[in-house]
N, C-alpha and C. Protein backbone atom coordinates (compact mmCIF):
# COMPACT_ATOMS: atom_id res chain seq x y z
N MET A 1 69.77 -139.26 48.10
CA MET A 1 68.82 -138.48 47.33
C MET A 1 68.22 -139.37 46.25
N THR A 2 66.98 -139.16 45.95
CA THR A 2 66.27 -139.98 44.98
C THR A 2 66.63 -139.57 43.55
N THR A 3 66.24 -140.40 42.59
CA THR A 3 66.51 -140.08 41.19
C THR A 3 65.30 -139.41 40.54
N ASN A 4 64.36 -138.94 41.31
CA ASN A 4 63.20 -138.24 40.79
C ASN A 4 63.66 -137.13 39.84
N PRO A 5 63.14 -137.10 38.60
CA PRO A 5 63.60 -136.11 37.64
C PRO A 5 63.31 -134.68 38.08
N ARG A 6 62.32 -134.48 38.95
CA ARG A 6 62.03 -133.13 39.40
C ARG A 6 63.13 -132.57 40.29
N LEU A 7 63.99 -133.43 40.82
CA LEU A 7 65.10 -132.92 41.63
C LEU A 7 66.05 -132.10 40.78
N GLY A 8 66.04 -132.33 39.48
CA GLY A 8 66.81 -131.46 38.59
C GLY A 8 66.30 -130.04 38.68
N ALA A 9 64.99 -129.88 38.85
CA ALA A 9 64.40 -128.56 39.03
C ALA A 9 64.90 -127.94 40.33
N HIS A 10 65.05 -128.77 41.36
CA HIS A 10 65.58 -128.29 42.65
C HIS A 10 66.98 -127.71 42.45
N ALA A 11 67.81 -128.42 41.73
CA ALA A 11 69.18 -127.95 41.48
C ALA A 11 69.17 -126.66 40.67
N ARG A 12 68.28 -126.59 39.65
CA ARG A 12 68.20 -125.36 38.85
C ARG A 12 67.73 -124.19 39.69
N ALA A 13 66.74 -124.44 40.56
CA ALA A 13 66.24 -123.38 41.43
C ALA A 13 67.33 -122.91 42.37
N ALA A 14 68.08 -123.85 42.92
CA ALA A 14 69.14 -123.50 43.83
C ALA A 14 70.24 -122.72 43.12
N TYR A 15 70.57 -123.13 41.91
CA TYR A 15 71.58 -122.42 41.14
C TYR A 15 71.11 -120.99 40.87
N ARG A 16 69.83 -120.84 40.54
CA ARG A 16 69.32 -119.51 40.24
C ARG A 16 69.33 -118.64 41.50
N CYS A 17 69.08 -119.26 42.67
CA CYS A 17 69.15 -118.52 43.91
C CYS A 17 70.58 -118.04 44.15
N ALA A 18 71.53 -118.92 43.88
CA ALA A 18 72.93 -118.52 44.00
C ALA A 18 73.22 -117.37 43.04
N ARG A 19 72.65 -117.45 41.85
CA ARG A 19 72.87 -116.39 40.87
C ARG A 19 72.22 -115.08 41.31
N ALA A 20 71.04 -115.17 41.95
CA ALA A 20 70.38 -113.96 42.46
C ALA A 20 71.31 -113.25 43.43
N SER A 21 71.88 -114.00 44.32
CA SER A 21 72.78 -113.41 45.29
C SER A 21 74.04 -112.91 44.61
N ALA A 22 74.55 -113.69 43.68
CA ALA A 22 75.77 -113.29 42.98
C ALA A 22 75.55 -111.99 42.21
N ILE A 23 74.39 -111.88 41.61
CA ILE A 23 74.06 -110.67 40.86
C ILE A 23 74.04 -109.47 41.78
N LEU A 24 73.40 -109.61 42.90
CA LEU A 24 73.27 -108.48 43.81
C LEU A 24 74.58 -108.17 44.50
N LEU A 25 75.30 -109.19 44.92
CA LEU A 25 76.44 -109.00 45.79
C LEU A 25 77.79 -109.06 45.12
N GLY A 26 77.83 -109.66 43.94
CA GLY A 26 79.13 -109.86 43.34
C GLY A 26 79.78 -111.15 43.83
N PHE A 27 79.05 -111.94 44.61
CA PHE A 27 79.54 -113.25 45.05
C PHE A 27 78.34 -114.12 45.34
N ALA A 28 78.54 -115.42 45.45
CA ALA A 28 77.41 -116.35 45.55
C ALA A 28 77.08 -116.72 46.98
N THR A 29 76.62 -115.78 47.75
CA THR A 29 76.31 -116.05 49.14
C THR A 29 75.15 -117.01 49.31
N ALA A 30 74.19 -116.96 48.46
CA ALA A 30 73.04 -117.83 48.64
C ALA A 30 73.26 -119.20 48.02
N ALA A 31 74.48 -119.52 47.71
CA ALA A 31 74.78 -120.86 47.22
C ALA A 31 74.35 -121.89 48.24
N SER A 32 74.16 -121.47 49.46
CA SER A 32 73.73 -122.36 50.52
C SER A 32 72.36 -122.97 50.26
N LEU A 33 71.61 -122.41 49.34
CA LEU A 33 70.28 -122.95 49.09
C LEU A 33 70.32 -124.28 48.37
N ALA A 34 71.49 -124.74 47.99
CA ALA A 34 71.48 -125.98 47.25
C ALA A 34 72.79 -126.67 47.18
N SER A 35 72.70 -127.84 46.62
CA SER A 35 73.90 -128.58 46.31
C SER A 35 74.31 -128.29 44.87
N ALA A 36 73.71 -127.27 44.27
CA ALA A 36 74.06 -126.92 42.90
C ALA A 36 75.50 -126.43 42.84
N PRO A 37 76.24 -126.76 41.78
CA PRO A 37 77.64 -126.37 41.71
C PRO A 37 77.81 -124.88 41.48
N VAL A 38 78.82 -124.31 42.10
CA VAL A 38 79.20 -122.93 41.85
C VAL A 38 80.64 -122.98 41.36
N ALA A 39 80.90 -122.41 40.19
CA ALA A 39 82.22 -122.52 39.58
C ALA A 39 83.31 -122.02 40.51
N GLY A 40 84.35 -122.83 40.67
CA GLY A 40 85.50 -122.44 41.47
C GLY A 40 85.33 -122.62 42.96
N ALA A 41 84.15 -123.02 43.41
CA ALA A 41 83.90 -123.15 44.85
C ALA A 41 84.45 -124.47 45.36
N SER A 42 84.94 -124.43 46.59
CA SER A 42 85.32 -125.67 47.25
C SER A 42 84.49 -125.79 48.52
N ALA A 43 84.01 -126.99 48.81
CA ALA A 43 83.11 -127.18 49.95
C ALA A 43 83.81 -127.93 51.07
N VAL A 44 83.46 -127.54 52.31
CA VAL A 44 84.00 -128.17 53.51
C VAL A 44 82.84 -128.34 54.48
N ALA A 45 82.71 -129.51 55.12
CA ALA A 45 81.61 -129.72 56.05
C ALA A 45 82.04 -129.74 57.51
N GLY A 46 83.30 -130.03 57.81
CA GLY A 46 83.77 -130.22 59.18
C GLY A 46 83.48 -129.09 60.14
N SER A 47 84.14 -127.96 59.97
CA SER A 47 83.97 -126.85 60.91
C SER A 47 82.59 -126.21 60.78
N ALA A 48 81.93 -126.39 59.66
CA ALA A 48 80.60 -125.83 59.47
C ALA A 48 79.62 -126.41 60.47
N ALA A 49 79.77 -127.69 60.82
CA ALA A 49 78.86 -128.33 61.78
C ALA A 49 78.93 -127.63 63.13
N ALA A 50 80.13 -127.26 63.56
CA ALA A 50 80.28 -126.56 64.83
C ALA A 50 79.65 -125.17 64.77
N ILE A 51 79.76 -124.52 63.62
CA ILE A 51 79.15 -123.20 63.45
C ILE A 51 77.63 -123.32 63.49
N CYS A 52 77.07 -124.29 62.76
CA CYS A 52 75.62 -124.45 62.71
C CYS A 52 75.04 -124.87 64.06
N ALA A 53 75.84 -125.53 64.88
CA ALA A 53 75.37 -125.94 66.21
C ALA A 53 75.04 -124.75 67.11
N LYS A 54 75.49 -123.55 66.71
CA LYS A 54 75.22 -122.34 67.51
C LYS A 54 73.75 -121.94 67.45
N VAL A 55 73.01 -122.41 66.42
CA VAL A 55 71.58 -122.09 66.29
C VAL A 55 70.81 -123.41 66.28
N SER A 56 70.03 -123.62 67.32
CA SER A 56 69.32 -124.89 67.47
C SER A 56 68.13 -125.01 66.52
N ALA A 57 67.79 -126.25 66.23
CA ALA A 57 66.60 -126.51 65.42
C ALA A 57 65.36 -125.99 66.13
N VAL A 58 65.36 -126.01 67.45
CA VAL A 58 64.22 -125.50 68.24
C VAL A 58 64.02 -124.01 67.97
N SER A 59 65.12 -123.25 67.90
CA SER A 59 65.03 -121.81 67.63
C SER A 59 64.46 -121.53 66.24
N VAL A 60 64.94 -122.27 65.26
CA VAL A 60 64.46 -122.08 63.89
C VAL A 60 63.00 -122.53 63.78
N SER A 61 62.68 -123.64 64.42
CA SER A 61 61.30 -124.14 64.42
C SER A 61 60.34 -123.12 65.02
N ALA A 62 60.77 -122.42 66.07
CA ALA A 62 59.93 -121.41 66.71
C ALA A 62 59.60 -120.27 65.75
N VAL A 63 60.51 -119.95 64.85
CA VAL A 63 60.28 -118.88 63.88
C VAL A 63 59.26 -119.31 62.83
N VAL A 64 59.43 -120.51 62.27
CA VAL A 64 58.57 -120.92 61.15
C VAL A 64 57.29 -121.62 61.59
N GLY A 65 57.23 -122.08 62.85
CA GLY A 65 56.00 -122.66 63.36
C GLY A 65 55.82 -124.15 63.15
N TYR A 66 56.87 -124.87 62.81
CA TYR A 66 56.79 -126.33 62.70
C TYR A 66 58.15 -126.92 63.07
N LYS A 67 58.14 -128.19 63.45
CA LYS A 67 59.34 -128.84 63.96
C LYS A 67 60.32 -129.17 62.84
N LEU A 68 61.58 -128.84 63.09
CA LEU A 68 62.65 -129.11 62.13
C LEU A 68 63.74 -129.95 62.78
N PRO A 69 64.45 -130.75 61.98
CA PRO A 69 65.56 -131.54 62.51
C PRO A 69 66.82 -130.67 62.67
N ALA A 70 67.84 -131.22 63.29
CA ALA A 70 69.13 -130.55 63.39
C ALA A 70 69.63 -130.23 61.98
N PRO A 71 70.41 -129.18 61.84
CA PRO A 71 70.83 -128.77 60.50
C PRO A 71 71.93 -129.63 59.90
N SER A 72 71.95 -129.65 58.56
CA SER A 72 73.11 -130.16 57.85
C SER A 72 73.93 -128.91 57.51
N ALA A 73 75.24 -129.04 57.58
CA ALA A 73 76.11 -127.88 57.46
C ALA A 73 77.02 -127.99 56.25
N ASN A 74 77.37 -126.84 55.71
CA ASN A 74 78.27 -126.81 54.57
C ASN A 74 79.00 -125.47 54.55
N THR A 75 80.24 -125.48 54.14
CA THR A 75 81.00 -124.24 53.94
C THR A 75 81.52 -124.24 52.52
N LEU A 76 81.30 -123.12 51.83
CA LEU A 76 81.84 -122.94 50.48
C LEU A 76 82.89 -121.84 50.52
N THR A 77 84.03 -122.08 49.91
CA THR A 77 85.05 -121.05 49.74
C THR A 77 85.00 -120.64 48.28
N LEU A 78 84.65 -119.38 48.05
CA LEU A 78 84.48 -118.89 46.69
C LEU A 78 85.61 -117.92 46.34
N PRO A 79 86.40 -118.23 45.33
CA PRO A 79 87.53 -117.36 44.97
C PRO A 79 87.07 -116.09 44.26
N ALA A 80 87.90 -115.08 44.30
CA ALA A 80 87.63 -113.85 43.57
C ALA A 80 87.85 -114.09 42.08
N THR A 81 86.87 -113.65 41.27
CA THR A 81 86.98 -113.77 39.82
C THR A 81 86.42 -112.50 39.18
N LYS A 82 86.62 -112.35 37.89
CA LYS A 82 86.04 -111.19 37.19
C LYS A 82 84.52 -111.21 37.27
N LYS A 83 83.93 -112.42 37.18
CA LYS A 83 82.46 -112.53 37.20
C LYS A 83 81.85 -112.08 38.52
N ASN A 84 82.60 -112.23 39.62
CA ASN A 84 82.04 -111.80 40.91
C ASN A 84 82.72 -110.53 41.42
N ASP A 85 83.17 -109.71 40.48
CA ASP A 85 83.77 -108.41 40.79
C ASP A 85 84.96 -108.51 41.73
N GLU A 86 85.72 -109.62 41.61
CA GLU A 86 86.94 -109.84 42.39
C GLU A 86 86.69 -109.87 43.90
N ILE A 87 85.51 -110.36 44.29
CA ILE A 87 85.19 -110.52 45.71
C ILE A 87 85.27 -112.00 46.05
N SER A 88 86.11 -112.35 46.99
CA SER A 88 86.15 -113.73 47.47
C SER A 88 85.29 -113.82 48.73
N SER A 89 84.83 -115.02 49.05
CA SER A 89 83.99 -115.18 50.24
C SER A 89 84.07 -116.59 50.78
N VAL A 90 83.76 -116.71 52.05
CA VAL A 90 83.60 -118.00 52.71
C VAL A 90 82.17 -118.01 53.23
N VAL A 91 81.36 -118.94 52.73
CA VAL A 91 79.93 -119.00 53.05
C VAL A 91 79.65 -120.26 53.86
N THR A 92 79.09 -120.09 55.05
CA THR A 92 78.66 -121.23 55.85
C THR A 92 77.15 -121.27 55.84
N SER A 93 76.57 -122.41 55.45
CA SER A 93 75.12 -122.53 55.41
C SER A 93 74.66 -123.68 56.29
N CYS A 94 73.48 -123.49 56.86
CA CYS A 94 72.86 -124.48 57.73
C CYS A 94 71.46 -124.75 57.18
N THR A 95 71.22 -125.98 56.73
CA THR A 95 69.92 -126.34 56.17
C THR A 95 69.17 -127.20 57.17
N TYR A 96 68.02 -126.71 57.60
CA TYR A 96 67.15 -127.41 58.55
C TYR A 96 66.05 -128.08 57.75
N GLY A 97 66.07 -129.40 57.67
CA GLY A 97 65.08 -130.14 56.92
C GLY A 97 65.73 -131.12 55.97
N ALA A 98 64.92 -132.06 55.50
CA ALA A 98 65.42 -133.07 54.56
C ALA A 98 65.56 -132.42 53.19
N GLN A 99 66.65 -132.67 52.51
CA GLN A 99 66.88 -132.05 51.22
C GLN A 99 66.38 -132.97 50.11
N THR A 100 65.06 -133.19 50.12
CA THR A 100 64.38 -133.98 49.09
C THR A 100 63.30 -133.11 48.48
N LEU A 101 62.84 -133.47 47.30
CA LEU A 101 61.81 -132.67 46.63
C LEU A 101 60.55 -132.56 47.47
N ALA A 102 60.12 -133.66 48.08
CA ALA A 102 58.89 -133.63 48.89
C ALA A 102 59.02 -132.73 50.10
N ALA A 103 60.22 -132.65 50.67
CA ALA A 103 60.42 -131.87 51.90
C ALA A 103 60.75 -130.40 51.64
N LEU A 104 61.06 -130.02 50.41
CA LEU A 104 61.51 -128.65 50.12
C LEU A 104 60.63 -127.55 50.72
N PRO A 105 59.30 -127.63 50.63
CA PRO A 105 58.50 -126.53 51.15
C PRO A 105 58.69 -126.26 52.64
N LYS A 106 59.24 -127.23 53.37
CA LYS A 106 59.47 -127.05 54.81
C LYS A 106 60.93 -126.76 55.15
N ASP A 107 61.83 -126.86 54.18
CA ASP A 107 63.24 -126.62 54.46
C ASP A 107 63.50 -125.15 54.76
N VAL A 108 64.42 -124.91 55.68
CA VAL A 108 64.81 -123.56 56.08
C VAL A 108 66.34 -123.49 56.03
N ILE A 109 66.85 -122.41 55.47
CA ILE A 109 68.30 -122.24 55.37
C ILE A 109 68.69 -120.93 56.02
N ILE A 110 69.71 -120.98 56.88
CA ILE A 110 70.32 -119.74 57.35
C ILE A 110 71.79 -119.81 56.94
N ASP A 111 72.36 -118.64 56.63
CA ASP A 111 73.75 -118.64 56.20
C ASP A 111 74.49 -117.43 56.73
N TYR A 112 75.80 -117.57 56.73
CA TYR A 112 76.70 -116.53 57.20
C TYR A 112 77.87 -116.50 56.23
N ALA A 113 78.24 -115.33 55.76
CA ALA A 113 79.35 -115.21 54.84
C ALA A 113 80.29 -114.09 55.25
N VAL A 114 81.55 -114.28 54.98
CA VAL A 114 82.56 -113.24 55.18
C VAL A 114 83.20 -113.02 53.82
N THR A 115 83.23 -111.76 53.40
CA THR A 115 83.73 -111.43 52.07
C THR A 115 85.02 -110.61 52.15
N SER A 116 85.71 -110.53 51.03
CA SER A 116 86.98 -109.82 51.00
C SER A 116 86.81 -108.30 50.97
N ARG A 117 85.63 -107.85 50.61
CA ARG A 117 85.35 -106.41 50.69
C ARG A 117 83.85 -106.19 50.84
N ALA A 118 83.50 -105.03 51.34
CA ALA A 118 82.09 -104.70 51.56
C ALA A 118 81.41 -104.35 50.24
N LEU A 119 80.10 -104.55 50.20
CA LEU A 119 79.27 -104.20 49.06
C LEU A 119 79.23 -102.68 48.89
N THR A 120 79.37 -102.20 47.66
CA THR A 120 79.32 -100.76 47.40
C THR A 120 77.98 -100.40 46.75
N ALA A 121 77.67 -99.12 46.70
CA ALA A 121 76.45 -98.65 46.04
C ALA A 121 76.47 -99.04 44.57
N ALA A 122 77.63 -99.02 43.94
CA ALA A 122 77.75 -99.41 42.52
C ALA A 122 77.43 -100.90 42.34
N ASP A 123 77.87 -101.74 43.31
CA ASP A 123 77.55 -103.17 43.24
C ASP A 123 76.05 -103.37 43.28
N VAL A 124 75.38 -102.65 44.18
CA VAL A 124 73.93 -102.79 44.33
C VAL A 124 73.22 -102.35 43.06
N LYS A 125 73.60 -101.20 42.52
CA LYS A 125 72.97 -100.69 41.31
C LYS A 125 73.13 -101.69 40.16
N LYS A 126 74.32 -102.20 39.98
CA LYS A 126 74.59 -103.18 38.92
C LYS A 126 73.78 -104.45 39.15
N GLY A 127 73.73 -104.92 40.39
CA GLY A 127 73.00 -106.14 40.72
C GLY A 127 71.50 -106.01 40.47
N LEU A 128 70.92 -104.89 40.86
CA LEU A 128 69.48 -104.69 40.66
C LEU A 128 69.15 -104.66 39.17
N ALA A 129 69.99 -104.04 38.36
CA ALA A 129 69.76 -104.00 36.91
C ALA A 129 69.81 -105.40 36.32
N GLN A 130 70.78 -106.20 36.74
CA GLN A 130 70.89 -107.56 36.23
C GLN A 130 69.73 -108.44 36.70
N ALA A 131 69.28 -108.25 37.93
CA ALA A 131 68.17 -109.04 38.46
C ALA A 131 66.91 -108.81 37.66
N ASN A 132 66.66 -107.58 37.26
CA ASN A 132 65.48 -107.28 36.45
C ASN A 132 65.52 -108.03 35.13
N GLN A 133 66.69 -108.20 34.56
CA GLN A 133 66.82 -108.88 33.27
C GLN A 133 66.48 -110.37 33.36
N ILE A 134 66.76 -111.01 34.50
CA ILE A 134 66.48 -112.45 34.60
C ILE A 134 65.30 -112.76 35.52
N LYS A 135 64.48 -111.74 35.78
CA LYS A 135 63.21 -111.91 36.49
C LYS A 135 63.36 -112.45 37.91
N ILE A 136 64.32 -111.90 38.64
CA ILE A 136 64.44 -112.17 40.06
C ILE A 136 64.09 -110.86 40.76
N THR A 137 63.14 -110.92 41.67
CA THR A 137 62.76 -109.72 42.41
C THR A 137 63.73 -109.52 43.55
N ILE A 138 64.40 -108.37 43.56
CA ILE A 138 65.28 -107.99 44.67
C ILE A 138 64.91 -106.57 45.05
N VAL A 139 64.48 -106.39 46.31
CA VAL A 139 64.09 -105.06 46.78
C VAL A 139 64.71 -104.79 48.15
N PRO A 140 64.98 -103.51 48.44
CA PRO A 140 65.50 -103.18 49.76
C PRO A 140 64.50 -103.57 50.85
N TYR A 141 65.02 -103.96 52.00
CA TYR A 141 64.19 -104.31 53.15
C TYR A 141 64.64 -103.47 54.33
N HIS A 142 63.69 -102.81 54.97
CA HIS A 142 64.00 -101.96 56.13
C HIS A 142 63.46 -102.64 57.37
N GLY A 143 64.17 -102.57 58.47
CA GLY A 143 63.67 -103.15 59.69
C GLY A 143 64.69 -104.01 60.42
N LEU A 144 65.82 -104.26 59.78
CA LEU A 144 66.86 -105.04 60.44
C LEU A 144 67.93 -104.16 61.08
N GLY A 145 67.91 -102.86 60.76
CA GLY A 145 68.92 -101.96 61.30
C GLY A 145 70.23 -102.02 60.53
N VAL A 146 70.25 -102.79 59.44
CA VAL A 146 71.43 -102.89 58.55
C VAL A 146 70.92 -102.84 57.12
N THR A 147 71.81 -102.67 56.17
CA THR A 147 71.43 -102.75 54.76
C THR A 147 70.94 -104.17 54.49
N ALA A 148 69.75 -104.29 53.94
CA ALA A 148 69.17 -105.62 53.72
C ALA A 148 68.35 -105.63 52.44
N TYR A 149 68.25 -106.83 51.84
CA TYR A 149 67.49 -107.02 50.62
C TYR A 149 66.64 -108.28 50.71
N TYR A 150 65.42 -108.17 50.20
CA TYR A 150 64.52 -109.31 50.07
C TYR A 150 64.58 -109.75 48.61
N TYR A 151 64.63 -111.06 48.37
CA TYR A 151 64.61 -111.56 47.00
C TYR A 151 63.62 -112.70 46.87
N SER A 152 63.05 -112.86 45.68
CA SER A 152 62.14 -113.97 45.42
C SER A 152 62.13 -114.29 43.93
N PHE A 153 61.85 -115.55 43.63
CA PHE A 153 61.70 -116.00 42.26
C PHE A 153 61.16 -117.42 42.32
N SER A 154 60.80 -117.96 41.17
CA SER A 154 60.41 -119.37 41.12
C SER A 154 61.13 -120.00 39.94
N GLU A 155 61.40 -121.28 40.10
CA GLU A 155 62.10 -122.05 39.06
C GLU A 155 61.43 -123.40 38.97
N SER A 156 60.88 -123.73 37.81
CA SER A 156 60.20 -125.01 37.59
C SER A 156 59.15 -125.28 38.66
N GLY A 157 58.42 -124.24 39.03
CA GLY A 157 57.35 -124.39 40.01
C GLY A 157 57.80 -124.36 41.46
N ILE A 158 59.10 -124.20 41.70
CA ILE A 158 59.62 -124.14 43.07
C ILE A 158 59.80 -122.67 43.43
N ALA A 159 59.11 -122.23 44.48
CA ALA A 159 59.22 -120.85 44.95
C ALA A 159 60.40 -120.75 45.90
N ILE A 160 61.18 -119.69 45.76
CA ILE A 160 62.30 -119.43 46.65
C ILE A 160 62.23 -117.98 47.06
N GLN A 161 62.38 -117.73 48.36
CA GLN A 161 62.47 -116.36 48.83
C GLN A 161 63.43 -116.30 50.00
N GLY A 162 64.03 -115.13 50.16
CA GLY A 162 64.98 -114.97 51.24
C GLY A 162 65.22 -113.52 51.57
N LEU A 163 65.97 -113.33 52.63
CA LEU A 163 66.31 -111.99 53.10
C LEU A 163 67.78 -112.04 53.49
N THR A 164 68.53 -111.03 53.08
CA THR A 164 69.95 -110.98 53.36
C THR A 164 70.30 -109.62 53.93
N GLY A 165 71.03 -109.61 55.05
CA GLY A 165 71.48 -108.37 55.68
C GLY A 165 72.99 -108.27 55.62
N PHE A 166 73.51 -107.04 55.52
CA PHE A 166 74.95 -106.81 55.36
C PHE A 166 75.47 -105.87 56.43
N GLU A 167 76.63 -106.22 56.98
CA GLU A 167 77.36 -105.36 57.90
C GLU A 167 78.82 -105.41 57.50
N GLY A 168 79.25 -104.43 56.72
CA GLY A 168 80.63 -104.43 56.25
C GLY A 168 80.91 -105.64 55.39
N THR A 169 81.86 -106.47 55.81
CA THR A 169 82.22 -107.65 55.04
C THR A 169 81.48 -108.90 55.51
N LYS A 170 80.48 -108.73 56.34
CA LYS A 170 79.70 -109.88 56.82
C LYS A 170 78.29 -109.84 56.24
N GLU A 171 77.78 -111.02 55.91
CA GLU A 171 76.42 -111.17 55.36
C GLU A 171 75.70 -112.24 56.16
N TYR A 172 74.45 -111.99 56.48
CA TYR A 172 73.62 -112.95 57.20
C TYR A 172 72.34 -113.16 56.41
N GLY A 173 71.93 -114.41 56.21
CA GLY A 173 70.75 -114.65 55.40
C GLY A 173 69.83 -115.72 55.95
N GLY A 174 68.57 -115.62 55.56
CA GLY A 174 67.58 -116.63 55.86
C GLY A 174 66.73 -116.83 54.62
N SER A 175 66.40 -118.09 54.29
CA SER A 175 65.62 -118.34 53.09
C SER A 175 64.82 -119.63 53.20
N THR A 176 63.79 -119.73 52.36
CA THR A 176 62.95 -120.92 52.31
C THR A 176 62.54 -121.20 50.87
N TYR A 177 62.03 -122.40 50.65
CA TYR A 177 61.48 -122.80 49.35
C TYR A 177 59.96 -122.71 49.42
N SER A 178 59.45 -121.66 50.02
CA SER A 178 58.01 -121.55 50.24
C SER A 178 57.55 -120.12 50.05
N LYS A 179 56.34 -119.95 49.50
CA LYS A 179 55.75 -118.63 49.36
C LYS A 179 55.10 -118.16 50.66
N THR A 180 54.89 -119.09 51.59
CA THR A 180 54.11 -118.76 52.79
C THR A 180 54.95 -118.16 53.92
N THR A 181 56.26 -118.18 53.81
CA THR A 181 57.09 -117.58 54.84
C THR A 181 56.99 -116.06 54.73
N SER A 182 56.65 -115.40 55.82
CA SER A 182 56.50 -113.95 55.79
C SER A 182 57.87 -113.26 55.85
N LYS A 183 57.89 -111.99 55.46
CA LYS A 183 59.13 -111.22 55.54
C LYS A 183 59.58 -111.08 56.99
N SER A 184 58.63 -110.98 57.91
CA SER A 184 59.02 -110.87 59.32
C SER A 184 59.65 -112.17 59.81
N GLN A 185 59.18 -113.31 59.32
CA GLN A 185 59.81 -114.59 59.66
C GLN A 185 61.22 -114.66 59.06
N LEU A 186 61.36 -114.22 57.82
CA LEU A 186 62.69 -114.20 57.20
C LEU A 186 63.63 -113.30 57.98
N ALA A 187 63.13 -112.14 58.44
CA ALA A 187 63.95 -111.24 59.24
C ALA A 187 64.38 -111.92 60.54
N ALA A 188 63.49 -112.68 61.15
CA ALA A 188 63.84 -113.41 62.38
C ALA A 188 64.90 -114.47 62.09
N LEU A 189 64.85 -115.08 60.91
CA LEU A 189 65.88 -116.05 60.52
C LEU A 189 67.23 -115.36 60.34
N VAL A 190 67.22 -114.16 59.78
CA VAL A 190 68.47 -113.40 59.64
C VAL A 190 69.05 -113.11 61.02
N ARG A 191 68.20 -112.76 61.97
CA ARG A 191 68.67 -112.51 63.34
C ARG A 191 69.32 -113.76 63.94
N LEU A 192 68.75 -114.92 63.64
CA LEU A 192 69.38 -116.16 64.11
C LEU A 192 70.71 -116.39 63.41
N ALA A 193 70.77 -116.07 62.10
CA ALA A 193 72.02 -116.24 61.36
C ALA A 193 73.13 -115.37 61.92
N GLU A 194 72.77 -114.24 62.53
CA GLU A 194 73.78 -113.37 63.14
C GLU A 194 74.51 -114.05 64.29
N LYS A 195 73.97 -115.14 64.82
CA LYS A 195 74.60 -115.88 65.91
C LYS A 195 75.65 -116.87 65.41
N LEU A 196 75.68 -117.10 64.10
CA LEU A 196 76.61 -118.08 63.54
C LEU A 196 78.05 -117.57 63.61
């Protein structure tokens, strides 16, 4: 990775994306959007590569309309803490694209998480209230056949948007660093994440 000072903005944007998810879910599922640190998390790359191999770059490229390389894989194990409402999770993320500032607008991330308990209505209500305070847009999304939320925000000029669907203790997500990705494309990315 380069020493370009704007990459600090990339890390801040990624951290805020993790926070958006943490606010809504009580855990940092969208930590996959970056190499930004998440307190208490431990990262593993080995088995994540096998998981990410289940969704080809060709499939993801077909959704977004441009060619992407094979994914880089990462798994985060997030412990239960008071800050995340005592929910632990294991998050596997697959990033398709070069993780450099110049390449960010074309990067695509799909992720899969397993949590220690399912999201409750109280978690959602609390998360939406907190999101409003820090100017992250989180709204319900209908059309996936599961409980789902669309989120968007920008950090230092970097736009981030994503869609996350929930089925019990499983979460599937798709996100990009671009304003041009449509919600239907994000929904298609979530469908691919369901294969992980």
